[in-house]
């Protein structure tokens, strides 16, 4: 009986140990995407809400690019190490809004990546131009390492 109990205990530790050592993906921090846009996400509160700023590297307008505010939410019931999230960027320099949705991943080496899909809605002058007002795309963000690290 004692041997069976010891075996079950060691077996359960073997199953649980990998999840205990898995690095949790954290949204807070500085990120850069595949197009060179920079994003800063401030602290995520207990409800999963967060804010920050987005400095895009690309635009379809002739306006000067400005840092724009973002508001978002991380799925709070997801206690796993790779949370889902969404955020909205209200562009400061155009009549457009972009919504992003995605998931935060950690690879085997501990590198964090945000895989996102977005919808960009631009203002149009009338309903006949509605067909061209929404764009869709994907971005991959990686953590921007600070000079101190």
N, C-alpha and C. Protein backbone atom coordinates (compact mmCIF):
# COMPACT_ATOMS: atom_id res chain seq x y z
N UNK A 1 0.82 -1.19 0.00
CA UNK A 1 0.00 0.00 0.00
C UNK A 1 0.86 1.26 0.00
N UNK A 2 1.92 1.26 0.84
CA UNK A 2 2.81 2.41 0.93
C UNK A 2 3.53 2.66 -0.39
N UNK A 3 3.94 1.59 -1.07
CA UNK A 3 4.61 1.74 -2.36
C UNK A 3 3.66 2.32 -3.40
N UNK A 4 2.43 1.90 -3.39
CA UNK A 4 1.45 2.43 -4.34
C UNK A 4 1.17 3.89 -4.08
N UNK A 5 1.09 4.27 -2.80
CA UNK A 5 0.87 5.68 -2.46
C UNK A 5 2.05 6.53 -2.89
N UNK A 6 3.26 6.05 -2.63
CA UNK A 6 4.47 6.79 -3.04
C UNK A 6 4.53 6.92 -4.55
N UNK A 7 4.20 5.84 -5.26
CA UNK A 7 4.19 5.89 -6.72
C UNK A 7 3.18 6.91 -7.24
N UNK A 8 1.97 6.91 -6.70
CA UNK A 8 0.95 7.87 -7.13
C UNK A 8 1.37 9.30 -6.83
N UNK A 9 2.00 9.52 -5.68
CA UNK A 9 2.47 10.86 -5.32
C UNK A 9 3.52 11.33 -6.32
N UNK A 10 4.52 10.50 -6.61
CA UNK A 10 5.57 10.88 -7.57
C UNK A 10 5.00 11.06 -8.97
N UNK A 11 4.07 10.21 -9.35
CA UNK A 11 3.43 10.32 -10.66
C UNK A 11 2.67 11.64 -10.78
N UNK A 12 1.93 12.02 -9.73
CA UNK A 12 1.18 13.28 -9.77
C UNK A 12 2.13 14.48 -9.81
N UNK A 13 3.25 14.41 -9.12
CA UNK A 13 4.24 15.49 -9.18
C UNK A 13 4.80 15.63 -10.60
N UNK A 14 5.04 14.51 -11.25
CA UNK A 14 5.56 14.54 -12.62
C UNK A 14 4.57 15.21 -13.57
N UNK A 15 3.29 15.01 -13.34
CA UNK A 15 2.28 15.62 -14.19
C UNK A 15 2.10 17.10 -13.90
N UNK A 16 2.21 17.50 -12.64
CA UNK A 16 1.96 18.88 -12.23
C UNK A 16 3.19 19.76 -12.40
N UNK A 17 4.38 19.23 -12.23
CA UNK A 17 5.61 20.03 -12.23
C UNK A 17 5.80 20.88 -13.48
N UNK A 18 5.57 20.37 -14.69
CA UNK A 18 5.77 21.23 -15.87
C UNK A 18 4.88 22.47 -15.85
N UNK A 19 3.67 22.36 -15.37
CA UNK A 19 2.79 23.53 -15.35
C UNK A 19 3.22 24.52 -14.27
N UNK A 20 3.86 24.05 -13.22
CA UNK A 20 4.32 24.96 -12.17
C UNK A 20 5.50 25.78 -12.64
N UNK A 21 6.34 25.21 -13.51
CA UNK A 21 7.53 25.91 -13.95
C UNK A 21 7.30 26.72 -15.22
N UNK A 22 6.14 26.58 -15.86
CA UNK A 22 5.85 27.29 -17.09
C UNK A 22 5.80 28.80 -16.83
N UNK A 23 6.48 29.55 -17.69
CA UNK A 23 6.48 31.00 -17.56
C UNK A 23 5.14 31.55 -18.01
N UNK A 24 4.61 32.46 -17.23
CA UNK A 24 3.34 33.09 -17.57
C UNK A 24 3.60 34.27 -18.50
N UNK A 25 2.83 34.38 -19.54
CA UNK A 25 2.94 35.51 -20.46
C UNK A 25 2.25 36.71 -19.83
N UNK A 26 2.96 37.82 -19.75
CA UNK A 26 2.47 39.03 -19.09
C UNK A 26 2.33 40.13 -20.14
N UNK A 27 1.14 40.72 -20.23
CA UNK A 27 0.90 41.77 -21.23
C UNK A 27 1.63 43.08 -20.92
N UNK A 28 1.79 43.38 -19.64
CA UNK A 28 2.39 44.64 -19.23
C UNK A 28 3.80 44.79 -19.81
N UNK A 29 4.07 45.97 -20.37
CA UNK A 29 5.42 46.24 -20.87
C UNK A 29 5.42 46.91 -22.23
N UNK A 30 6.60 46.88 -22.85
CA UNK A 30 6.82 47.52 -24.15
C UNK A 30 6.94 46.44 -25.23
N UNK A 31 6.20 46.65 -26.32
CA UNK A 31 6.14 45.67 -27.41
C UNK A 31 6.41 46.34 -28.75
N UNK A 32 6.93 45.59 -29.70
CA UNK A 32 7.12 46.07 -31.07
C UNK A 32 6.55 45.01 -32.01
N UNK A 33 5.90 45.46 -33.10
CA UNK A 33 5.32 44.48 -34.02
C UNK A 33 6.14 44.33 -35.28
N UNK A 34 5.69 43.46 -36.16
CA UNK A 34 6.39 43.13 -37.39
C UNK A 34 6.51 44.30 -38.37
N UNK A 35 5.77 45.37 -38.15
CA UNK A 35 5.86 46.56 -39.01
C UNK A 35 6.65 47.69 -38.35
N UNK A 36 7.11 47.47 -37.11
CA UNK A 36 7.89 48.49 -36.41
C UNK A 36 7.07 49.41 -35.52
N UNK A 37 5.79 49.12 -35.34
CA UNK A 37 4.96 49.92 -34.43
C UNK A 37 5.27 49.54 -32.99
N UNK A 38 5.25 50.54 -32.10
CA UNK A 38 5.54 50.34 -30.68
C UNK A 38 4.28 50.48 -29.85
N UNK A 39 4.16 49.64 -28.83
CA UNK A 39 3.00 49.66 -27.96
C UNK A 39 3.49 49.51 -26.51
N UNK A 40 2.88 50.27 -25.63
CA UNK A 40 3.16 50.14 -24.20
C UNK A 40 1.85 49.81 -23.50
N UNK A 41 1.86 48.71 -22.75
CA UNK A 41 0.70 48.32 -21.96
C UNK A 41 1.05 48.52 -20.49
N UNK A 42 0.23 49.33 -19.82
CA UNK A 42 0.43 49.60 -18.40
C UNK A 42 -0.16 48.45 -17.58
N UNK A 43 -0.15 48.56 -16.29
CA UNK A 43 -0.58 47.48 -15.40
C UNK A 43 -1.98 46.98 -15.73
N UNK A 44 -2.16 45.67 -15.64
CA UNK A 44 -3.46 45.02 -15.79
C UNK A 44 -4.07 44.93 -14.39
N UNK A 45 -5.27 45.50 -14.21
CA UNK A 45 -5.88 45.48 -12.87
C UNK A 45 -6.56 44.14 -12.59
N UNK A 46 -7.14 44.02 -11.41
CA UNK A 46 -7.76 42.77 -10.98
C UNK A 46 -8.94 42.33 -11.82
N UNK A 47 -9.57 43.26 -12.52
CA UNK A 47 -10.69 42.92 -13.42
C UNK A 47 -10.18 42.55 -14.81
N UNK A 48 -8.87 42.69 -15.04
CA UNK A 48 -8.30 42.38 -16.34
C UNK A 48 -8.21 43.58 -17.26
N UNK A 49 -8.62 44.77 -16.80
CA UNK A 49 -8.58 45.98 -17.62
C UNK A 49 -7.18 46.57 -17.66
N UNK A 50 -6.82 47.17 -18.79
CA UNK A 50 -5.54 47.84 -18.91
C UNK A 50 -5.65 49.02 -19.87
N UNK A 51 -4.66 49.89 -19.83
CA UNK A 51 -4.56 51.01 -20.75
C UNK A 51 -3.11 51.11 -21.19
N UNK A 52 -2.87 52.02 -22.11
CA UNK A 52 -1.51 52.20 -22.59
C UNK A 52 -1.47 53.14 -23.77
N UNK A 53 -0.45 53.00 -24.57
CA UNK A 53 -0.28 53.86 -25.75
C UNK A 53 0.24 53.03 -26.92
N UNK A 54 -0.06 53.54 -28.12
CA UNK A 54 0.32 52.87 -29.36
C UNK A 54 0.92 53.90 -30.29
N UNK A 55 2.12 53.63 -30.79
CA UNK A 55 2.78 54.52 -31.74
C UNK A 55 2.98 53.73 -33.03
N UNK A 56 2.07 53.94 -33.99
CA UNK A 56 2.11 53.18 -35.22
C UNK A 56 3.27 53.63 -36.11
N UNK A 57 3.79 52.71 -36.87
CA UNK A 57 4.85 53.01 -37.84
C UNK A 57 4.27 53.19 -39.24
N UNK A 58 2.98 52.89 -39.41
CA UNK A 58 2.35 52.95 -40.72
C UNK A 58 1.01 53.68 -40.64
N UNK A 59 0.65 54.32 -41.72
CA UNK A 59 -0.65 55.00 -41.80
C UNK A 59 -1.06 55.14 -43.26
N UNK A 60 -2.35 55.23 -43.48
CA UNK A 60 -2.89 55.45 -44.83
C UNK A 60 -3.24 56.92 -45.03
N UNK A 61 -3.05 57.74 -43.98
CA UNK A 61 -3.38 59.17 -44.10
C UNK A 61 -2.12 59.97 -44.37
N UNK A 62 -2.31 61.23 -44.71
CA UNK A 62 -1.17 62.14 -44.88
C UNK A 62 -0.88 62.91 -43.60
N UNK A 63 -1.70 62.68 -42.56
CA UNK A 63 -1.52 63.36 -41.27
C UNK A 63 -0.25 62.85 -40.57
N UNK A 64 0.33 63.73 -39.75
CA UNK A 64 1.50 63.34 -38.98
C UNK A 64 1.09 62.32 -37.92
N UNK A 65 1.82 61.23 -37.85
CA UNK A 65 1.54 60.17 -36.88
C UNK A 65 1.78 60.68 -35.46
N UNK A 66 0.85 60.36 -34.57
CA UNK A 66 0.96 60.72 -33.15
C UNK A 66 0.73 59.48 -32.30
N UNK A 67 1.33 59.49 -31.12
CA UNK A 67 1.07 58.41 -30.16
C UNK A 67 -0.41 58.46 -29.80
N UNK A 68 -1.05 57.30 -29.76
CA UNK A 68 -2.50 57.23 -29.54
C UNK A 68 -2.81 56.34 -28.34
N UNK A 69 -3.90 56.65 -27.62
CA UNK A 69 -4.25 55.87 -26.44
C UNK A 69 -4.88 54.52 -26.80
N UNK A 70 -4.67 53.54 -25.92
CA UNK A 70 -5.34 52.26 -26.07
C UNK A 70 -5.99 51.87 -24.75
N UNK A 71 -7.10 51.14 -24.86
CA UNK A 71 -7.83 50.59 -23.71
C UNK A 71 -8.12 49.13 -24.02
N UNK A 72 -7.93 48.27 -23.02
CA UNK A 72 -8.16 46.87 -23.31
C UNK A 72 -8.56 46.05 -22.11
N UNK A 73 -8.71 44.76 -22.37
CA UNK A 73 -9.10 43.83 -21.33
C UNK A 73 -8.47 42.47 -21.61
N UNK A 74 -7.94 41.87 -20.55
CA UNK A 74 -7.42 40.52 -20.61
C UNK A 74 -8.49 39.61 -20.03
N UNK A 75 -8.67 38.45 -20.61
CA UNK A 75 -9.69 37.52 -20.12
C UNK A 75 -9.33 37.12 -18.70
N UNK A 76 -10.11 37.59 -17.73
CA UNK A 76 -9.73 37.43 -16.32
C UNK A 76 -9.99 36.04 -15.77
N UNK A 77 -10.88 35.28 -16.37
CA UNK A 77 -11.11 33.93 -15.86
C UNK A 77 -10.07 32.95 -16.40
N UNK A 78 -9.24 33.44 -17.32
CA UNK A 78 -8.18 32.61 -17.89
C UNK A 78 -6.97 32.68 -16.97
N UNK A 79 -6.83 31.72 -16.09
CA UNK A 79 -5.70 31.68 -15.17
C UNK A 79 -4.53 30.90 -15.76
N UNK A 80 -4.63 30.57 -17.02
CA UNK A 80 -3.56 29.84 -17.69
C UNK A 80 -2.38 30.78 -17.93
N UNK A 81 -1.30 30.25 -18.46
CA UNK A 81 -0.09 31.04 -18.65
C UNK A 81 -0.09 31.83 -19.96
N UNK A 82 -1.11 31.63 -20.82
CA UNK A 82 -1.12 32.27 -22.13
C UNK A 82 -2.50 32.90 -22.38
N UNK A 83 -2.75 34.09 -21.80
CA UNK A 83 -4.09 34.67 -21.81
C UNK A 83 -4.52 35.25 -23.15
N UNK A 84 -5.84 35.29 -23.35
CA UNK A 84 -6.43 36.00 -24.47
C UNK A 84 -6.73 37.43 -24.03
N UNK A 85 -6.82 38.34 -24.99
CA UNK A 85 -7.00 39.75 -24.67
C UNK A 85 -7.57 40.47 -25.89
N UNK A 86 -7.99 41.70 -25.67
CA UNK A 86 -8.43 42.59 -26.74
C UNK A 86 -8.21 44.02 -26.32
N UNK A 87 -7.97 44.90 -27.29
CA UNK A 87 -7.84 46.33 -26.98
C UNK A 87 -8.23 47.18 -28.18
N UNK A 88 -8.57 48.42 -27.88
CA UNK A 88 -8.98 49.39 -28.90
C UNK A 88 -8.00 50.55 -28.91
N UNK A 89 -7.59 50.97 -30.11
CA UNK A 89 -6.76 52.16 -30.27
C UNK A 89 -7.61 53.22 -30.93
N UNK A 90 -7.76 54.35 -30.24
CA UNK A 90 -8.48 55.51 -30.77
C UNK A 90 -7.42 56.46 -31.34
N UNK A 91 -7.23 56.43 -32.66
CA UNK A 91 -6.13 57.16 -33.29
C UNK A 91 -6.26 58.66 -33.07
N UNK A 92 -5.20 59.27 -32.55
CA UNK A 92 -5.18 60.70 -32.24
C UNK A 92 -5.05 61.58 -33.47
N UNK A 93 -4.62 61.03 -34.58
CA UNK A 93 -4.32 61.82 -35.76
C UNK A 93 -5.25 61.56 -36.95
N UNK A 94 -6.29 60.74 -36.73
CA UNK A 94 -7.23 60.47 -37.83
C UNK A 94 -8.60 60.12 -37.26
N UNK A 95 -9.59 60.06 -38.12
CA UNK A 95 -10.95 59.69 -37.72
C UNK A 95 -11.14 58.18 -37.81
N UNK A 96 -10.23 57.44 -37.19
CA UNK A 96 -10.25 55.98 -37.27
C UNK A 96 -10.09 55.36 -35.89
N UNK A 97 -10.55 54.12 -35.79
CA UNK A 97 -10.41 53.32 -34.58
C UNK A 97 -10.01 51.91 -35.03
N UNK A 98 -9.10 51.30 -34.26
CA UNK A 98 -8.71 49.93 -34.54
C UNK A 98 -8.96 49.07 -33.30
N UNK A 99 -9.54 47.90 -33.51
CA UNK A 99 -9.71 46.92 -32.43
C UNK A 99 -8.79 45.74 -32.72
N UNK A 100 -8.09 45.31 -31.69
CA UNK A 100 -7.19 44.16 -31.78
C UNK A 100 -7.72 43.06 -30.86
N UNK A 101 -7.56 41.82 -31.26
CA UNK A 101 -7.83 40.69 -30.39
C UNK A 101 -6.71 39.68 -30.59
N UNK A 102 -6.35 38.99 -29.51
CA UNK A 102 -5.24 38.06 -29.67
C UNK A 102 -4.98 37.22 -28.45
N UNK A 103 -3.82 36.60 -28.47
CA UNK A 103 -3.40 35.75 -27.36
C UNK A 103 -1.91 35.95 -27.14
N UNK A 104 -1.52 35.88 -25.88
CA UNK A 104 -0.14 36.02 -25.46
C UNK A 104 0.46 34.62 -25.32
N UNK A 105 1.56 34.34 -26.01
CA UNK A 105 2.20 33.03 -25.98
C UNK A 105 3.61 33.11 -25.43
N UNK A 106 4.06 32.03 -24.79
CA UNK A 106 5.44 31.89 -24.34
C UNK A 106 5.99 30.62 -24.98
N UNK A 107 7.13 30.76 -25.70
CA UNK A 107 7.70 29.57 -26.34
C UNK A 107 8.59 28.80 -25.36
N UNK A 108 9.20 27.74 -25.83
CA UNK A 108 10.01 26.87 -24.97
C UNK A 108 11.22 27.59 -24.38
N UNK A 109 11.70 28.62 -25.06
CA UNK A 109 12.85 29.39 -24.56
C UNK A 109 12.42 30.54 -23.65
N UNK A 110 11.12 30.70 -23.44
CA UNK A 110 10.62 31.76 -22.57
C UNK A 110 10.34 33.07 -23.28
N UNK A 111 10.42 33.10 -24.62
CA UNK A 111 10.15 34.32 -25.39
C UNK A 111 8.64 34.54 -25.49
N UNK A 112 8.21 35.77 -25.15
CA UNK A 112 6.79 36.11 -25.21
C UNK A 112 6.44 36.71 -26.58
N UNK A 113 5.28 36.32 -27.09
CA UNK A 113 4.79 36.81 -28.38
C UNK A 113 3.30 37.07 -28.26
N UNK A 114 2.87 38.21 -28.81
CA UNK A 114 1.45 38.51 -28.91
C UNK A 114 1.03 38.29 -30.36
N UNK A 115 0.13 37.34 -30.60
CA UNK A 115 -0.42 37.10 -31.93
C UNK A 115 -1.77 37.79 -31.97
N UNK A 116 -1.94 38.74 -32.91
CA UNK A 116 -3.18 39.52 -32.95
C UNK A 116 -3.79 39.55 -34.34
N UNK A 117 -5.08 39.84 -34.35
CA UNK A 117 -5.82 40.17 -35.56
C UNK A 117 -6.52 41.48 -35.28
N UNK A 118 -6.64 42.36 -36.30
CA UNK A 118 -7.24 43.67 -36.07
C UNK A 118 -8.24 44.03 -37.17
N UNK A 119 -9.13 44.95 -36.77
CA UNK A 119 -10.06 45.61 -37.70
C UNK A 119 -9.85 47.11 -37.55
N UNK A 120 -9.59 47.78 -38.65
CA UNK A 120 -9.43 49.24 -38.67
C UNK A 120 -10.65 49.84 -39.35
N UNK A 121 -11.36 50.69 -38.62
CA UNK A 121 -12.53 51.36 -39.19
C UNK A 121 -12.20 52.83 -39.40
N UNK A 122 -12.30 53.27 -40.66
CA UNK A 122 -12.09 54.67 -41.01
C UNK A 122 -13.43 55.33 -41.28
N UNK A 123 -13.50 56.62 -40.99
CA UNK A 123 -14.72 57.37 -41.27
C UNK A 123 -14.83 57.59 -42.77
N UNK A 124 -16.05 57.45 -43.29
CA UNK A 124 -16.32 57.77 -44.68
C UNK A 124 -17.44 58.81 -44.72
N UNK A 125 -17.56 59.51 -45.85
CA UNK A 125 -18.52 60.62 -45.95
C UNK A 125 -19.96 60.18 -46.13
N UNK A 126 -20.17 58.96 -46.69
CA UNK A 126 -21.55 58.51 -46.86
C UNK A 126 -21.61 56.99 -46.91
N UNK A 127 -22.81 56.47 -46.81
CA UNK A 127 -23.01 55.02 -46.73
C UNK A 127 -22.57 54.31 -48.01
N UNK A 128 -22.56 55.00 -49.12
CA UNK A 128 -22.12 54.37 -50.37
C UNK A 128 -20.64 54.01 -50.34
N UNK A 129 -19.88 54.66 -49.45
CA UNK A 129 -18.45 54.35 -49.31
C UNK A 129 -18.16 53.38 -48.16
N UNK A 130 -19.21 52.88 -47.55
CA UNK A 130 -19.04 51.96 -46.42
C UNK A 130 -18.20 50.74 -46.77
N UNK A 131 -18.30 50.27 -47.99
CA UNK A 131 -17.59 49.07 -48.43
C UNK A 131 -16.08 49.18 -48.25
N UNK A 132 -15.55 50.40 -48.28
CA UNK A 132 -14.09 50.56 -48.18
C UNK A 132 -13.63 51.09 -46.82
N UNK A 133 -14.53 51.12 -45.85
CA UNK A 133 -14.21 51.76 -44.56
C UNK A 133 -13.56 50.83 -43.54
N UNK A 134 -13.60 49.53 -43.73
CA UNK A 134 -13.04 48.60 -42.75
C UNK A 134 -11.95 47.74 -43.39
N UNK A 135 -10.81 47.72 -42.72
CA UNK A 135 -9.68 46.88 -43.15
C UNK A 135 -9.41 45.84 -42.07
N UNK A 136 -8.80 44.75 -42.47
CA UNK A 136 -8.49 43.67 -41.53
C UNK A 136 -7.03 43.26 -41.74
N UNK A 137 -6.40 42.84 -40.66
CA UNK A 137 -5.01 42.39 -40.77
C UNK A 137 -4.56 41.63 -39.54
N UNK A 138 -3.31 41.23 -39.56
CA UNK A 138 -2.71 40.55 -38.42
C UNK A 138 -1.39 41.23 -38.08
N UNK A 139 -1.01 41.15 -36.82
CA UNK A 139 0.29 41.62 -36.36
C UNK A 139 0.83 40.65 -35.32
N UNK A 140 2.14 40.52 -35.30
CA UNK A 140 2.84 39.73 -34.29
C UNK A 140 3.73 40.70 -33.52
N UNK A 141 3.54 40.74 -32.20
CA UNK A 141 4.32 41.61 -31.33
C UNK A 141 5.31 40.78 -30.53
N UNK A 142 6.51 41.32 -30.34
CA UNK A 142 7.48 40.71 -29.45
C UNK A 142 7.86 41.76 -28.39
N UNK A 143 8.28 41.27 -27.24
CA UNK A 143 8.64 42.18 -26.15
C UNK A 143 9.86 42.98 -26.56
N UNK A 144 9.78 44.29 -26.37
CA UNK A 144 10.89 45.20 -26.66
C UNK A 144 11.79 45.21 -25.43
N UNK A 145 13.02 44.75 -25.60
CA UNK A 145 13.95 44.69 -24.47
C UNK A 145 14.48 46.09 -24.17
N UNK A 146 14.52 46.44 -22.90
CA UNK A 146 15.03 47.75 -22.50
C UNK A 146 16.55 47.75 -22.57
N UNK A 147 17.14 48.94 -22.54
CA UNK A 147 18.58 49.10 -22.60
C UNK A 147 19.26 48.49 -21.37
N UNK A 148 18.54 48.39 -20.25
CA UNK A 148 19.11 47.89 -18.99
C UNK A 148 19.28 46.39 -19.01
N UNK A 149 18.50 45.68 -19.82
CA UNK A 149 18.51 44.21 -19.81
C UNK A 149 19.64 43.66 -20.65
